[in-house]
Amino acid sequence: MRPRRVVLVVDDEAITRDVVVTMLELDDVEVHHASDGDTALALADKVRPDVVLLDAMMPGMDGFAVCRALRDAYGDEGPRVVMLTARADAAARDAAEAAGAVGYIVKPFSGLDLFRLLDEEPIGGA
């Protein structure tokens, strides 16, 4: 049996957050969620997730800034960050990679894509 993973889902859209949380809970993943960057960083410090699924476009601190903050705080020992975003453009993918994200999923996405990225070590681009 694989160890239970801890995942932090960060998205300002409640429907997306709820769908992802529900899918992960069905896979016996310990899931935490936040709707903004500041809450996400505080929660990451508390629960120390293995993976952060992070929306790029959020009010206030965007996902790229959150990703950089996680890398600055934890370095290589921090969570793997996968951007989960509606932005499909190359500039956004490049910004995510520069910020330290190790995966990128464009909304709408399939559950299979999500679980494939969660199971990879390290996570690769989608």
C-alpha atoms as a PDB file:
ATOM      1  CA  MET A   1       0.000   0.000   0.000  1.00  0.00           C
ATOM      2  CA  ARG A   2       1.385   3.408  -0.946  1.00  0.00           C
ATOM      3  CA  PRO A   3       1.677   6.062   1.774  1.00  0.00           C
ATOM      4  CA  ARG A   4      -1.186   8.522   1.951  1.00  0.00           C
ATOM      5  CA  ARG A   5      -0.379  11.708   0.075  1.00  0.00           C
ATOM      6  CA  VAL A   6      -1.132  15.185   1.353  1.00  0.00           C
ATOM      7  CA  VAL A   7      -2.345  17.595  -1.329  1.00  0.00           C
ATOM      8  CA  LEU A   8      -3.172  21.284  -1.060  1.00  0.00           C
ATOM      9  CA  VAL A   9      -5.648  22.557  -3.671  1.00  0.00           C
ATOM     10  CA  VAL A  10      -5.551  26.321  -4.245  1.00  0.00           C
ATOM     11  CA  ASP A  11      -8.148  27.921  -6.507  1.00  0.00           C
ATOM     12  CA  ASP A  12     -10.344  30.981  -6.113  1.00  0.00           C
ATOM     13  CA  GLU A  13     -13.175  29.266  -8.010  1.00  0.00           C
ATOM     14  CA  ALA A  14     -15.168  27.204  -5.511  1.00  0.00           C
ATOM     15  CA  ILE A  15     -16.554  24.802  -8.124  1.00  0.00           C
ATOM     16  CA  THR A  16     -13.090  23.857  -9.397  1.00  0.00           C
ATOM     17  CA  ARG A  17     -11.764  23.524  -5.863  1.00  0.00           C
ATOM     18  CA  ASP A  18     -14.706  21.334  -4.825  1.00  0.00           C
ATOM     19  CA  VAL A  19     -14.411  19.037  -7.859  1.00  0.00           C
ATOM     20  CA  VAL A  20     -10.675  18.505  -7.377  1.00  0.00           C
ATOM     21  CA  VAL A  21     -11.036  17.972  -3.621  1.00  0.00           C
ATOM     22  CA  THR A  22     -13.799  15.402  -4.169  1.00  0.00           C
ATOM     23  CA  MET A  23     -11.773  13.516  -6.797  1.00  0.00           C
ATOM     24  CA  LEU A  24      -8.747  13.366  -4.523  1.00  0.00           C
ATOM     25  CA  GLU A  25     -10.728  12.281  -1.471  1.00  0.00           C
ATOM     26  CA  LEU A  26     -12.089   9.352  -3.494  1.00  0.00           C
ATOM     27  CA  ASP A  27      -8.462   8.284  -4.016  1.00  0.00           C
ATOM     28  CA  ASP A  28      -7.773   8.342  -0.258  1.00  0.00           C
ATOM     29  CA  VAL A  29      -5.653  11.480  -0.461  1.00  0.00           C
ATOM     30  CA  GLU A  30      -5.503  13.823   2.523  1.00  0.00           C
ATOM     31  CA  VAL A  31      -6.739  17.058   0.981  1.00  0.00           C
ATOM     32  CA  HIS A  32      -6.592  20.635   2.223  1.00  0.00           C
ATOM     33  CA  HIS A  33      -7.787  23.629   0.247  1.00  0.00           C
ATOM     34  CA  ALA A  34      -7.487  27.387   0.069  1.00  0.00           C
ATOM     35  CA  SER A  35      -9.084  30.073  -2.066  1.00  0.00           C
ATOM     36  CA  ASP A  36      -6.203  32.568  -2.111  1.00  0.00           C
ATOM     37  CA  GLY A  37      -2.425  32.755  -2.022  1.00  0.00           C
ATOM     38  CA  ASP A  38      -1.951  34.050   1.518  1.00  0.00           C
ATOM     39  CA  THR A  39      -4.174  31.332   2.990  1.00  0.00           C
ATOM     40  CA  ALA A  40      -2.389  28.731   0.854  1.00  0.00           C
ATOM     41  CA  LEU A  41       1.042  29.713   2.182  1.00  0.00           C
ATOM     42  CA  ALA A  42      -0.131  29.642   5.799  1.00  0.00           C
ATOM     43  CA  LEU A  43      -1.798  26.265   5.268  1.00  0.00           C
ATOM     44  CA  ALA A  44       1.254  24.840   3.480  1.00  0.00           C
ATOM     45  CA  ASP A  45       3.377  25.779   6.486  1.00  0.00           C
ATOM     46  CA  LYS A  46       0.936  23.988   8.781  1.00  0.00           C
ATOM     47  CA  VAL A  47       0.164  20.766   6.848  1.00  0.00           C
ATOM     48  CA  ARG A  48       3.387  20.394   4.777  1.00  0.00           C
ATOM     49  CA  PRO A  49       1.742  19.007   1.623  1.00  0.00           C
ATOM     50  CA  ASP A  50       3.490  16.656  -0.776  1.00  0.00           C
ATOM     51  CA  VAL A  51       1.837  18.363  -3.743  1.00  0.00           C
ATOM     52  CA  VAL A  52       0.210  21.753  -4.292  1.00  0.00           C
ATOM     53  CA  LEU A  53      -2.328  22.055  -7.127  1.00  0.00           C
ATOM     54  CA  LEU A  54      -2.252  25.762  -7.802  1.00  0.00           C
ATOM     55  CA  ASP A  55      -4.385  28.058  -9.937  1.00  0.00           C
ATOM     56  CA  ALA A  56      -2.365  30.703 -11.779  1.00  0.00           C
ATOM     57  CA  MET A  57      -4.958  33.473 -11.872  1.00  0.00           C
ATOM     58  CA  MET A  58      -6.237  34.471  -8.444  1.00  0.00           C
ATOM     59  CA  PRO A  59      -6.999  37.862  -6.937  1.00  0.00           C
ATOM     60  CA  GLY A  60      -4.242  39.242  -4.758  1.00  0.00           C
ATOM     61  CA  MET A  61      -1.206  36.973  -4.844  1.00  0.00           C
ATOM     62  CA  ASP A  62      -1.331  34.980  -8.085  1.00  0.00           C
ATOM     63  CA  GLY A  63      -0.250  31.362  -8.397  1.00  0.00           C
ATOM     64  CA  PHE A  64       3.155  32.212  -9.820  1.00  0.00           C
ATOM     65  CA  ALA A  65       3.950  34.324  -6.743  1.00  0.00           C
ATOM     66  CA  VAL A  66       2.699  31.544  -4.440  1.00  0.00           C
ATOM     67  CA  CYS A  67       4.885  29.032  -6.256  1.00  0.00           C
ATOM     68  CA  ARG A  68       7.958  31.287  -5.904  1.00  0.00           C
ATOM     69  CA  ALA A  69       7.178  31.821  -2.204  1.00  0.00           C
ATOM     70  CA  LEU A  70       6.976  28.052  -1.636  1.00  0.00           C
ATOM     71  CA  ARG A  71      10.308  27.536  -3.401  1.00  0.00           C
ATOM     72  CA  ASP A  72      11.905  30.384  -1.426  1.00  0.00           C
ATOM     73  CA  ALA A  73      10.600  28.995   1.872  1.00  0.00           C
ATOM     74  CA  TYR A  74      11.284  25.283   1.365  1.00  0.00           C
ATOM     75  CA  GLY A  75      13.675  24.890  -1.579  1.00  0.00           C
ATOM     76  CA  ASP A  76      13.944  21.363  -2.930  1.00  0.00           C
ATOM     77  CA  GLU A  77      12.406  19.977   0.271  1.00  0.00           C
ATOM     78  CA  GLY A  78       9.121  21.728  -0.422  1.00  0.00           C
ATOM     79  CA  PRO A  79       6.005  20.408  -2.086  1.00  0.00           C
ATOM     80  CA  ARG A  80       5.852  19.625  -5.779  1.00  0.00           C
ATOM     81  CA  VAL A  81       3.777  22.347  -7.410  1.00  0.00           C
ATOM     82  CA  VAL A  82       1.459  21.644 -10.311  1.00  0.00           C
ATOM     83  CA  MET A  83      -0.273  24.595 -11.913  1.00  0.00           C
ATOM     84  CA  LEU A  84      -3.952  23.868 -12.560  1.00  0.00           C
ATOM     85  CA  THR A  85      -5.088  26.771 -14.699  1.00  0.00           C
ATOM     86  CA  ALA A  86      -7.171  28.015 -17.614  1.00  0.00           C
ATOM     87  CA  ARG A  87      -4.090  29.687 -19.109  1.00  0.00           C
ATOM     88  CA  ALA A  88      -2.925  27.533 -22.008  1.00  0.00           C
ATOM     89  CA  ASP A  89      -0.395  29.971 -23.467  1.00  0.00           C
ATOM     90  CA  ALA A  90       3.337  29.314 -23.683  1.00  0.00           C
ATOM     91  CA  ALA A  91       4.155  32.425 -21.641  1.00  0.00           C
ATOM     92  CA  ALA A  92       2.156  31.092 -18.687  1.00  0.00           C
ATOM     93  CA  ARG A  93       3.833  27.679 -18.939  1.00  0.00           C
ATOM     94  CA  ASP A  94       7.247  29.370 -19.036  1.00  0.00           C
ATOM     95  CA  ALA A  95       6.331  31.560 -16.038  1.00  0.00           C
ATOM     96  CA  ALA A  96       5.192  28.480 -14.107  1.00  0.00           C
ATOM     97  CA  GLU A  97       8.427  26.655 -14.834  1.00  0.00           C
ATOM     98  CA  ALA A  98      10.492  29.729 -13.892  1.00  0.00           C
ATOM     99  CA  ALA A  99       8.568  29.982 -10.620  1.00  0.00           C
ATOM    100  CA  GLY A 100       9.396  26.362  -9.796  1.00  0.00           C
ATOM    101  CA  ALA A 101       6.296  24.442 -10.875  1.00  0.00           C
ATOM    102  CA  VAL A 102       7.017  20.902 -12.046  1.00  0.00           C
ATOM    103  CA  GLY A 103       3.716  20.270 -13.812  1.00  0.00           C
ATOM    104  CA  TYR A 104       1.028  22.124 -15.706  1.00  0.00           C
ATOM    105  CA  ILE A 105      -2.592  21.111 -16.322  1.00  0.00           C
ATOM    106  CA  VAL A 106      -4.928  23.253 -18.428  1.00  0.00           C
ATOM    107  CA  LYS A 107      -8.590  23.543 -17.419  1.00  0.00           C
ATOM    108  CA  PRO A 108     -10.778  21.841 -18.347  1.00  0.00           C
ATOM    109  CA  PHE A 109      -8.796  18.736 -17.468  1.00  0.00           C
ATOM    110  CA  SER A 110      -9.494  15.044 -17.092  1.00  0.00           C
ATOM    111  CA  GLY A 111      -9.245  13.226 -13.803  1.00  0.00           C
ATOM    112  CA  LEU A 112      -6.852  10.806 -15.497  1.00  0.00           C
ATOM    113  CA  ASP A 113      -4.451  13.652 -16.287  1.00  0.00           C
ATOM    114  CA  LEU A 114      -4.625  14.853 -12.709  1.00  0.00           C
ATOM    115  CA  PHE A 115      -3.927  11.440 -11.184  1.00  0.00           C
ATOM    116  CA  ARG A 116      -1.179  10.699 -13.714  1.00  0.00           C
ATOM    117  CA  LEU A 117       0.635  13.858 -12.655  1.00  0.00           C
ATOM    118  CA  LEU A 118       0.155  13.107  -8.981  1.00  0.00           C
ATOM    119  CA  ASP A 119       1.607   9.613  -9.406  1.00  0.00           C
ATOM    120  CA  GLU A 120       4.685  10.668 -11.380  1.00  0.00           C
ATOM    121  CA  GLU A 121       7.980  11.145  -9.610  1.00  0.00           C
ATOM    122  CA  PRO A 122       8.939  13.833 -10.426  1.00  0.00           C
ATOM    123  CA  ILE A 123       5.892  15.382 -11.989  1.00  0.00           C
ATOM    124  CA  GLY A 124       6.249  16.127 -15.693  1.00  0.00           C
ATOM    125  CA  GLY A 125       4.358  18.582 -17.881  1.00  0.00           C
ATOM    126  CA  ALA A 126       0.958  17.727 -19.264  1.00  0.00           C
END
